[in-house]
Amino acid sequence: MLYEAEFWVAVAFLIFLAVLWRAGAYRSILGALDARRDRIRAELGEARRLKQEAERVLAEYKKKQRETEAEAQAIIAQAKTEAAEIAAESGARMEEFVARRTRMAEAKIAQAETQALADVRAAAADAAVKAAELILVETVKGKAAEDLLAAAIKDVKIRLD
């Protein structure tokens, strides 16, 4: 066993550890480990704080998103209502326009009928006067014919007007 290399490596390692122990290296190693532990704890604390802040910001953005979606829905509903009102108003205006145009057309038709009736009456009166004139000219002669013709013409004109 004294001649085996593993034995002497183990003995050298133990001596090395004893020298380190005696020199106080373990304190610097423990200090370095403690410092690393403290640094890791601080980083973990910072990571937890950042995580909580991120969760808070995420919750805030989700809340804003819900509020924005609700606002968008309200705007859409209002737009639909306004569109329906505008459509109803346009329909009412169109009906009013059509009714007004219909009344105007009916008034023009009535006016044209009245004018046509007046024209027919005038034409009939003129024809009756001419016919009466021809008949009276053929049947009545002289001064009596002229007087009778003038009176008849006046009478027909008064009745037609």
Protein backbone atom coordinates (compact mmCIF):
# COMPACT_ATOMS: atom_id res chain seq x y z
CA MET A 1 0.00 0.00 0.00
CA LEU A 2 2.89 2.43 0.57
CA TYR A 3 4.01 2.03 -3.00
CA GLU A 4 0.73 2.75 -4.67
CA ALA A 5 0.31 6.12 -6.42
CA GLU A 6 -3.26 6.64 -5.28
CA PHE A 7 -2.14 6.48 -1.65
CA TRP A 8 0.48 9.18 -2.13
CA VAL A 9 -1.98 11.38 -4.11
CA ALA A 10 -4.42 11.13 -1.18
CA VAL A 11 -1.67 11.96 1.35
CA ALA A 12 -0.53 14.92 -0.77
CA PHE A 13 -4.09 16.13 -1.02
CA LEU A 14 -4.57 15.94 2.77
CA ILE A 15 -1.32 17.81 3.33
CA PHE A 16 -2.41 20.41 0.81
CA LEU A 17 -5.72 20.82 2.65
CA ALA A 18 -3.89 21.14 5.97
CA VAL A 19 -1.63 23.84 4.56
CA LEU A 20 -4.64 25.69 3.21
CA TRP A 21 -6.39 25.33 6.56
CA ARG A 22 -3.43 26.66 8.40
CA ALA A 23 -3.01 29.57 6.00
CA GLY A 24 -6.66 30.55 6.49
CA ALA A 25 -7.68 29.94 2.92
CA TYR A 26 -10.87 28.32 4.10
CA ARG A 27 -12.00 31.70 5.41
CA SER A 28 -11.52 33.34 2.04
CA ILE A 29 -13.23 30.38 0.34
CA LEU A 30 -16.14 30.55 2.80
CA GLY A 31 -16.24 34.33 2.40
CA ALA A 32 -16.33 33.99 -1.36
CA LEU A 33 -19.07 31.36 -1.07
CA ASP A 34 -21.03 33.55 1.37
CA ALA A 35 -20.62 36.55 -0.93
CA ARG A 36 -21.80 34.47 -3.89
CA ARG A 37 -24.76 33.22 -1.82
CA ASP A 38 -25.66 36.79 -0.86
CA ARG A 39 -25.34 37.95 -4.46
CA ILE A 40 -27.55 35.06 -5.65
CA ARG A 41 -30.14 35.92 -2.94
CA ALA A 42 -30.10 39.54 -4.04
CA GLU A 43 -30.53 38.53 -7.67
CA LEU A 44 -33.39 36.19 -6.72
CA GLY A 45 -35.01 38.99 -4.72
CA GLU A 46 -34.62 41.35 -7.66
CA ALA A 47 -36.01 38.67 -9.97
CA ARG A 48 -39.05 38.23 -7.68
CA ARG A 49 -39.58 41.99 -7.57
CA LEU A 50 -39.33 42.23 -11.37
CA LYS A 51 -41.71 39.29 -11.74
CA GLN A 52 -44.27 40.94 -9.45
CA GLU A 53 -43.90 44.23 -11.31
CA ALA A 54 -44.32 42.44 -14.64
CA GLU A 55 -47.45 40.68 -13.34
CA ARG A 56 -48.83 44.03 -12.14
CA VAL A 57 -48.12 45.66 -15.50
CA LEU A 58 -49.67 42.68 -17.31
CA ALA A 59 -52.81 42.91 -15.15
CA GLU A 60 -52.97 46.65 -15.84
CA TYR A 61 -52.68 46.12 -19.59
CA LYS A 62 -55.32 43.39 -19.53
CA LYS A 63 -57.64 45.74 -17.64
CA LYS A 64 -56.96 48.50 -20.20
CA GLN A 65 -57.61 46.01 -23.00
CA ARG A 66 -60.97 45.03 -21.48
CA GLU A 67 -61.88 48.69 -21.04
CA THR A 68 -60.86 49.47 -24.61
CA GLU A 69 -62.88 46.54 -25.96
CA ALA A 70 -65.91 47.67 -23.95
CA GLU A 71 -65.47 51.21 -25.29
CA ALA A 72 -65.16 49.88 -28.84
CA GLN A 73 -68.37 47.88 -28.38
CA ALA A 74 -70.12 51.00 -27.08
CA ILE A 75 -68.89 53.01 -30.07
CA ILE A 76 -70.10 50.29 -32.46
CA ALA A 77 -73.50 50.17 -30.75
CA GLN A 78 -73.80 53.95 -30.93
CA ALA A 79 -72.79 53.94 -34.60
CA LYS A 80 -75.42 51.29 -35.35
CA THR A 81 -78.06 53.34 -33.54
CA GLU A 82 -77.08 56.48 -35.42
CA ALA A 83 -77.08 54.58 -38.72
CA ALA A 84 -80.59 53.27 -38.00
CA GLU A 85 -81.76 56.79 -37.14
CA ILE A 86 -80.21 58.20 -40.31
CA ALA A 87 -81.80 55.42 -42.38
CA ALA A 88 -85.21 56.08 -40.81
CA GLU A 89 -84.83 59.81 -41.37
CA SER A 90 -83.77 59.24 -44.98
CA GLY A 91 -86.76 56.96 -45.52
CA ALA A 92 -89.11 59.58 -44.08
CA ARG A 93 -87.54 62.29 -46.26
CA MET A 94 -87.86 60.04 -49.31
CA GLU A 95 -91.53 59.33 -48.57
CA GLU A 96 -92.14 63.06 -48.06
CA PHE A 97 -90.36 63.84 -51.33
CA VAL A 98 -92.38 61.22 -53.23
CA ALA A 99 -95.63 62.45 -51.67
CA ARG A 100 -94.78 66.08 -52.55
CA ARG A 101 -93.88 65.13 -56.12
CA THR A 102 -97.08 63.09 -56.40
CA ARG A 103 -99.15 66.06 -55.20
CA MET A 104 -97.37 68.32 -57.66
CA ALA A 105 -98.02 65.86 -60.51
CA GLU A 106 -101.68 65.53 -59.51
CA ALA A 107 -102.01 69.31 -59.38
CA LYS A 108 -100.47 69.61 -62.85
CA ILE A 109 -102.79 66.90 -64.14
CA ALA A 110 -105.80 68.65 -62.60
CA GLN A 111 -104.66 71.95 -64.09
CA ALA A 112 -104.20 70.30 -67.49
CA GLU A 113 -107.68 68.74 -67.22
CA THR A 114 -109.19 72.11 -66.34
CA GLN A 115 -107.37 73.77 -69.22
CA ALA A 116 -108.41 71.01 -71.62
CA LEU A 117 -112.02 71.29 -70.45
CA ALA A 118 -111.92 75.07 -70.93
CA ASP A 119 -110.40 74.61 -74.38
CA VAL A 120 -113.11 72.08 -75.33
CA ARG A 121 -115.82 74.41 -74.03
CA ALA A 122 -114.35 77.32 -75.95
CA ALA A 123 -114.09 75.21 -79.09
CA ALA A 124 -117.65 73.95 -78.59
CA ALA A 125 -118.91 77.49 -78.03
CA ASP A 126 -117.15 78.73 -81.13
CA ALA A 127 -118.56 75.83 -83.12
CA ALA A 128 -122.05 76.43 -81.72
CA VAL A 129 -121.83 80.12 -82.53
CA LYS A 130 -120.72 79.42 -86.07
CA ALA A 131 -123.39 76.78 -86.51
CA ALA A 132 -126.04 79.09 -85.14
CA GLU A 133 -124.77 81.87 -87.37
CA LEU A 134 -124.96 79.63 -90.44
CA ILE A 135 -128.44 78.41 -89.57
CA LEU A 136 -129.72 81.88 -88.84
CA VAL A 137 -128.12 83.30 -91.99
CA GLU A 138 -129.86 80.65 -94.03
CA THR A 139 -133.24 80.91 -92.32
CA VAL A 140 -133.56 84.51 -91.17
CA LYS A 141 -132.97 87.40 -93.53
CA GLY A 142 -132.65 91.09 -93.06
CA LYS A 143 -132.52 93.33 -89.99
CA ALA A 144 -134.19 90.79 -87.69
CA ALA A 145 -131.55 88.23 -88.54
CA GLU A 146 -128.72 90.53 -87.62
CA ASP A 147 -130.30 91.51 -84.28
CA LEU A 148 -131.11 87.92 -83.42
CA LEU A 149 -127.61 86.79 -84.32
CA ALA A 150 -125.89 89.45 -82.17
CA ALA A 151 -128.10 88.64 -79.14
CA ALA A 152 -127.46 84.91 -79.51
CA ILE A 153 -123.72 85.38 -79.74
CA LYS A 154 -123.68 87.54 -76.61
CA ASP A 155 -125.83 85.02 -74.73
CA VAL A 156 -123.58 82.07 -75.63
CA LYS A 157 -120.44 83.95 -74.64
CA ILE A 158 -121.91 84.95 -71.26
CA ARG A 159 -122.96 81.38 -70.49
CA LEU A 160 -119.61 79.87 -71.41
CA ASP A 161 -117.52 82.30 -69.41
